[in-house]
Amino acid sequence: MEKVKRFERQEEKVKERAKRAAAAARRWREYSRRGVDKAPTVKLPDPLSNSSKHN
């Protein structure tokens, strides 16, 4: 009987982990669809060098 309970607990853990993995995959697909993982299309201006600053 104890083995059955241990197996059921283990199965619950596996199901919970699968749920979390599926949720993470959905979030990643949503980010990818928005283009968050792509490089920015707008180039920022180069910062001024220290020698050109006025003190």
PDB file of N, CA and C in Angstrom:
ATOM      1  N   MET A   1       0.830  -1.206   0.000  1.00  0.00           N
ATOM      2  CA  MET A   1       0.000   0.000   0.000  1.00  0.00           C
ATOM      3  C   MET A   1       0.866   1.259   0.000  1.00  0.00           C
ATOM      4  N   GLU A   2       1.970   1.222   0.733  1.00  0.00           N
ATOM      5  CA  GLU A   2       2.845   2.393   0.818  1.00  0.00           C
ATOM      6  C   GLU A   2       3.450   2.720  -0.548  1.00  0.00           C
ATOM      7  N   LYS A   3       3.774   1.697  -1.326  1.00  0.00           N
ATOM      8  CA  LYS A   3       4.349   1.916  -2.653  1.00  0.00           C
ATOM      9  C   LYS A   3       3.351   2.632  -3.553  1.00  0.00           C
ATOM     10  N   VAL A   4       2.094   2.297  -3.429  1.00  0.00           N
ATOM     11  CA  VAL A   4       1.061   2.930  -4.254  1.00  0.00           C
ATOM     12  C   VAL A   4       0.967   4.411  -3.919  1.00  0.00           C
ATOM     13  N   LYS A   5       0.966   4.742  -2.634  1.00  0.00           N
ATOM     14  CA  LYS A   5       0.881   6.160  -2.231  1.00  0.00           C
ATOM     15  C   LYS A   5       2.099   6.932  -2.718  1.00  0.00           C
ATOM     16  N   ARG A   6       3.284   6.313  -2.577  1.00  0.00           N
ATOM     17  CA  ARG A   6       4.504   6.969  -3.028  1.00  0.00           C
ATOM     18  C   ARG A   6       4.440   7.213  -4.535  1.00  0.00           C
ATOM     19  N   PHE A   7       3.926   6.224  -5.274  1.00  0.00           N
ATOM     20  CA  PHE A   7       3.799   6.372  -6.726  1.00  0.00           C
ATOM     21  C   PHE A   7       2.834   7.492  -7.067  1.00  0.00           C
ATOM     22  N   GLU A   8       1.718   7.589  -6.336  1.00  0.00           N
ATOM     23  CA  GLU A   8       0.742   8.644  -6.601  1.00  0.00           C
ATOM     24  C   GLU A   8       1.346  10.028  -6.347  1.00  0.00           C
ATOM     25  N   ARG A   9       2.116  10.162  -5.267  1.00  0.00           N
ATOM     26  CA  ARG A   9       2.762  11.451  -4.989  1.00  0.00           C
ATOM     27  C   ARG A   9       3.745  11.803  -6.101  1.00  0.00           C
ATOM     28  N   GLN A  10       4.503  10.796  -6.538  1.00  0.00           N
ATOM     29  CA  GLN A  10       5.476  11.028  -7.604  1.00  0.00           C
ATOM     30  C   GLN A  10       4.749  11.453  -8.882  1.00  0.00           C
ATOM     31  N   GLU A  11       3.646  10.809  -9.166  1.00  0.00           N
ATOM     32  CA  GLU A  11       2.867  11.137 -10.365  1.00  0.00           C
ATOM     33  C   GLU A  11       2.334  12.567 -10.298  1.00  0.00           C
ATOM     34  N   GLU A  12       1.908  12.993  -9.106  1.00  0.00           N
ATOM     35  CA  GLU A  12       1.430  14.370  -8.939  1.00  0.00           C
ATOM     36  C   GLU A  12       2.553  15.365  -9.223  1.00  0.00           C
ATOM     37  N   LYS A  13       3.750  15.047  -8.738  1.00  0.00           N
ATOM     38  CA  LYS A  13       4.897  15.926  -8.986  1.00  0.00           C
ATOM     39  C   LYS A  13       5.198  16.029 -10.475  1.00  0.00           C
ATOM     40  N   VAL A  14       5.127  14.898 -11.157  1.00  0.00           N
ATOM     41  CA  VAL A  14       5.399  14.884 -12.598  1.00  0.00           C
ATOM     42  C   VAL A  14       4.359  15.717 -13.340  1.00  0.00           C
ATOM     43  N   LYS A  15       3.097  15.560 -12.965  1.00  0.00           N
ATOM     44  CA  LYS A  15       2.033  16.333 -13.618  1.00  0.00           C
ATOM     45  C   LYS A  15       2.211  17.825 -13.369  1.00  0.00           C
ATOM     46  N   GLU A  16       2.587  18.193 -12.140  1.00  0.00           N
ATOM     47  CA  GLU A  16       2.799  19.598 -11.810  1.00  0.00           C
ATOM     48  C   GLU A  16       3.961  20.166 -12.619  1.00  0.00           C
ATOM     49  N   ARG A  17       5.035  19.387 -12.744  1.00  0.00           N
ATOM     50  CA  ARG A  17       6.191  19.837 -13.524  1.00  0.00           C
ATOM     51  C   ARG A  17       5.820  19.997 -14.994  1.00  0.00           C
ATOM     52  N   ALA A  18       5.014  19.091 -15.510  1.00  0.00           N
ATOM     53  CA  ALA A  18       4.578  19.189 -16.901  1.00  0.00           C
ATOM     54  C   ALA A  18       3.728  20.434 -17.120  1.00  0.00           C
ATOM     55  N   LYS A  19       2.872  20.742 -16.147  1.00  0.00           N
ATOM     56  CA  LYS A  19       2.046  21.954 -16.241  1.00  0.00           C
ATOM     57  C   LYS A  19       2.922  23.199 -16.299  1.00  0.00           C
ATOM     58  N   ARG A  20       3.933  23.247 -15.409  1.00  0.00           N
ATOM     59  CA  ARG A  20       4.817  24.408 -15.383  1.00  0.00           C
ATOM     60  C   ARG A  20       5.602  24.537 -16.679  1.00  0.00           C
ATOM     61  N   ALA A  21       6.063  23.414 -17.209  1.00  0.00           N
ATOM     62  CA  ALA A  21       6.820  23.453 -18.457  1.00  0.00           C
ATOM     63  C   ALA A  21       5.942  23.946 -19.603  1.00  0.00           C
ATOM     64  N   ALA A  22       4.695  23.497 -19.635  1.00  0.00           N
ATOM     65  CA  ALA A  22       3.780  23.936 -20.687  1.00  0.00           C
ATOM     66  C   ALA A  22       3.502  25.428 -20.569  1.00  0.00           C
ATOM     67  N   ALA A  23       3.342  25.918 -19.345  1.00  0.00           N
ATOM     68  CA  ALA A  23       3.092  27.352 -19.142  1.00  0.00           C
ATOM     69  C   ALA A  23       4.306  28.164 -19.579  1.00  0.00           C
ATOM     70  N   ALA A  24       5.504  27.690 -19.245  1.00  0.00           N
ATOM     71  CA  ALA A  24       6.712  28.404 -19.658  1.00  0.00           C
ATOM     72  C   ALA A  24       6.844  28.424 -21.173  1.00  0.00           C
ATOM     73  N   ALA A  25       6.510  27.322 -21.818  1.00  0.00           N
ATOM     74  CA  ALA A  25       6.573  27.272 -23.281  1.00  0.00           C
ATOM     75  C   ALA A  25       5.582  28.260 -23.898  1.00  0.00           C
ATOM     76  N   ARG A  26       4.394  28.353 -23.318  1.00  0.00           N
ATOM     77  CA  ARG A  26       3.404  29.317 -23.828  1.00  0.00           C
ATOM     78  C   ARG A  26       3.924  30.743 -23.688  1.00  0.00           C
ATOM     79  N   ARG A  27       4.517  31.039 -22.503  1.00  0.00           N
ATOM     80  CA  ARG A  27       5.053  32.392 -22.311  1.00  0.00           C
ATOM     81  C   ARG A  27       6.156  32.690 -23.321  1.00  0.00           C
ATOM     82  N   TRP A  28       7.028  31.722 -23.561  1.00  0.00           N
ATOM     83  CA  TRP A  28       8.130  31.947 -24.497  1.00  0.00           C
ATOM     84  C   TRP A  28       7.597  32.175 -25.913  1.00  0.00           C
ATOM     85  N   ARG A  29       6.587  31.391 -26.300  1.00  0.00           N
ATOM     86  CA  ARG A  29       5.993  31.589 -27.635  1.00  0.00           C
ATOM     87  C   ARG A  29       5.387  32.971 -27.747  1.00  0.00           C
ATOM     88  N   GLU A  30       4.761  33.438 -26.681  1.00  0.00           N
ATOM     89  CA  GLU A  30       4.167  34.781 -26.697  1.00  0.00           C
ATOM     90  C   GLU A  30       5.254  35.841 -26.854  1.00  0.00           C
ATOM     91  N   TYR A  31       6.347  35.713 -26.111  1.00  0.00           N
ATOM     92  CA  TYR A  31       7.456  36.661 -26.245  1.00  0.00           C
ATOM     93  C   TYR A  31       8.032  36.614 -27.653  1.00  0.00           C
ATOM     94  N   SER A  32       8.211  35.414 -28.180  1.00  0.00           N
ATOM     95  CA  SER A  32       8.802  35.272 -29.509  1.00  0.00           C
ATOM     96  C   SER A  32       7.898  35.901 -30.572  1.00  0.00           C
ATOM     97  N   ARG A  33       6.599  35.729 -30.401  1.00  0.00           N
ATOM     98  CA  ARG A  33       5.661  36.288 -31.368  1.00  0.00           C
ATOM     99  C   ARG A  33       5.753  37.802 -31.380  1.00  0.00           C
ATOM    100  N   ARG A  34       5.977  38.405 -30.198  1.00  0.00           N
ATOM    101  CA  ARG A  34       6.098  39.865 -30.114  1.00  0.00           C
ATOM    102  C   ARG A  34       7.441  40.351 -30.637  1.00  0.00           C
ATOM    103  N   GLY A  35       8.399  39.453 -30.763  1.00  0.00           N
ATOM    104  CA  GLY A  35       9.703  39.848 -31.256  1.00  0.00           C
ATOM    105  C   GLY A  35      10.626  40.357 -30.179  1.00  0.00           C
ATOM    106  N   VAL A  36      10.381  39.988 -28.934  1.00  0.00           N
ATOM    107  CA  VAL A  36      11.208  40.459 -27.829  1.00  0.00           C
ATOM    108  C   VAL A  36      12.630  39.926 -27.959  1.00  0.00           C
ATOM    109  N   ASP A  37      12.772  38.721 -28.519  1.00  0.00           N
ATOM    110  CA  ASP A  37      14.094  38.102 -28.587  1.00  0.00           C
ATOM    111  C   ASP A  37      14.905  38.561 -29.803  1.00  0.00           C
ATOM    112  N   LYS A  38      14.337  39.442 -30.623  1.00  0.00           N
ATOM    113  CA  LYS A  38      15.055  39.938 -31.807  1.00  0.00           C
ATOM    114  C   LYS A  38      15.910  41.150 -31.442  1.00  0.00           C
ATOM    115  N   ALA A  39      16.902  41.421 -32.258  1.00  0.00           N
ATOM    116  CA  ALA A  39      17.757  42.589 -32.033  1.00  0.00           C
ATOM    117  C   ALA A  39      16.949  43.864 -32.281  1.00  0.00           C
ATOM    118  N   PRO A  40      17.271  44.948 -31.603  1.00  0.00           N
ATOM    119  CA  PRO A  40      16.526  46.199 -31.821  1.00  0.00           C
ATOM    120  C   PRO A  40      16.760  46.730 -33.243  1.00  0.00           C
ATOM    121  N   THR A  41      15.734  47.326 -33.809  1.00  0.00           N
ATOM    122  CA  THR A  41      15.830  47.835 -35.178  1.00  0.00           C
ATOM    123  C   THR A  41      16.338  49.276 -35.202  1.00  0.00           C
ATOM    124  N   VAL A  42      16.202  49.979 -34.093  1.00  0.00           N
ATOM    125  CA  VAL A  42      16.651  51.369 -34.021  1.00  0.00           C
ATOM    126  C   VAL A  42      18.045  51.407 -33.419  1.00  0.00           C
ATOM    127  N   LYS A  43      18.978  52.051 -34.078  1.00  0.00           N
ATOM    128  CA  LYS A  43      20.342  52.134 -33.558  1.00  0.00           C
ATOM    129  C   LYS A  43      20.467  53.412 -32.743  1.00  0.00           C
ATOM    130  N   LEU A  44      20.959  53.262 -31.531  1.00  0.00           N
ATOM    131  CA  LEU A  44      21.153  54.424 -30.669  1.00  0.00           C
ATOM    132  C   LEU A  44      22.399  55.182 -31.101  1.00  0.00           C
ATOM    133  N   PRO A  45      22.420  56.499 -30.896  1.00  0.00           N
ATOM    134  CA  PRO A  45      23.622  57.265 -31.264  1.00  0.00           C
ATOM    135  C   PRO A  45      24.811  56.855 -30.396  1.00  0.00           C
ATOM    136  N   ASP A  46      26.002  56.932 -30.958  1.00  0.00           N
ATOM    137  CA  ASP A  46      27.211  56.578 -30.213  1.00  0.00           C
ATOM    138  C   ASP A  46      27.414  57.578 -29.078  1.00  0.00           C
ATOM    139  N   PRO A  47      27.842  57.091 -27.927  1.00  0.00           N
ATOM    140  CA  PRO A  47      28.088  58.018 -26.804  1.00  0.00           C
ATOM    141  C   PRO A  47      29.287  58.923 -27.120  1.00  0.00           C
ATOM    142  N   LEU A  48      29.262  60.122 -26.572  1.00  0.00           N
ATOM    143  CA  LEU A  48      30.366  61.068 -26.783  1.00  0.00           C
ATOM    144  C   LEU A  48      31.595  60.577 -26.036  1.00  0.00           C
ATOM    145  N   SER A  49      32.740  60.719 -26.626  1.00  0.00           N
ATOM    146  CA  SER A  49      33.963  60.284 -25.956  1.00  0.00           C
ATOM    147  C   SER A  49      34.317  61.267 -24.837  1.00  0.00           C
ATOM    148  N   ASN A  50      35.158  60.853 -23.911  1.00  0.00           N
ATOM    149  CA  ASN A  50      35.534  61.695 -22.766  1.00  0.00           C
ATOM    150  C   ASN A  50      36.285  62.952 -23.198  1.00  0.00           C
ATOM    151  N   SER A  51      37.052  62.885 -24.285  1.00  0.00           N
ATOM    152  CA  SER A  51      37.848  64.033 -24.707  1.00  0.00           C
ATOM    153  C   SER A  51      36.985  65.180 -25.242  1.00  0.00           C
ATOM    154  N   SER A  52      35.779  64.886 -25.691  1.00  0.00           N
ATOM    155  CA  SER A  52      34.944  65.947 -26.253  1.00  0.00           C
ATOM    156  C   SER A  52      34.038  66.605 -25.211  1.00  0.00           C
ATOM    157  N   LYS A  53      34.038  66.089 -23.976  1.00  0.00           N
ATOM    158  CA  LYS A  53      33.200  66.684 -22.923  1.00  0.00           C
ATOM    159  C   LYS A  53      33.817  67.974 -22.412  1.00  0.00           C
ATOM    160  N   HIS A  54      32.971  68.922 -22.055  1.00  0.00           N
ATOM    161  CA  HIS A  54      33.441  70.192 -21.502  1.00  0.00           C
ATOM    162  C   HIS A  54      33.361  70.133 -19.991  1.00  0.00           C
ATOM    163  N   ASN A  55      34.437  70.452 -19.318  1.00  0.00           N
ATOM    164  CA  ASN A  55      34.447  70.426 -17.848  1.00  0.00           C
ATOM    165  C   ASN A  55      34.314  71.801 -17.280  1.00  0.00           C
TER     166      ASN A  55
END
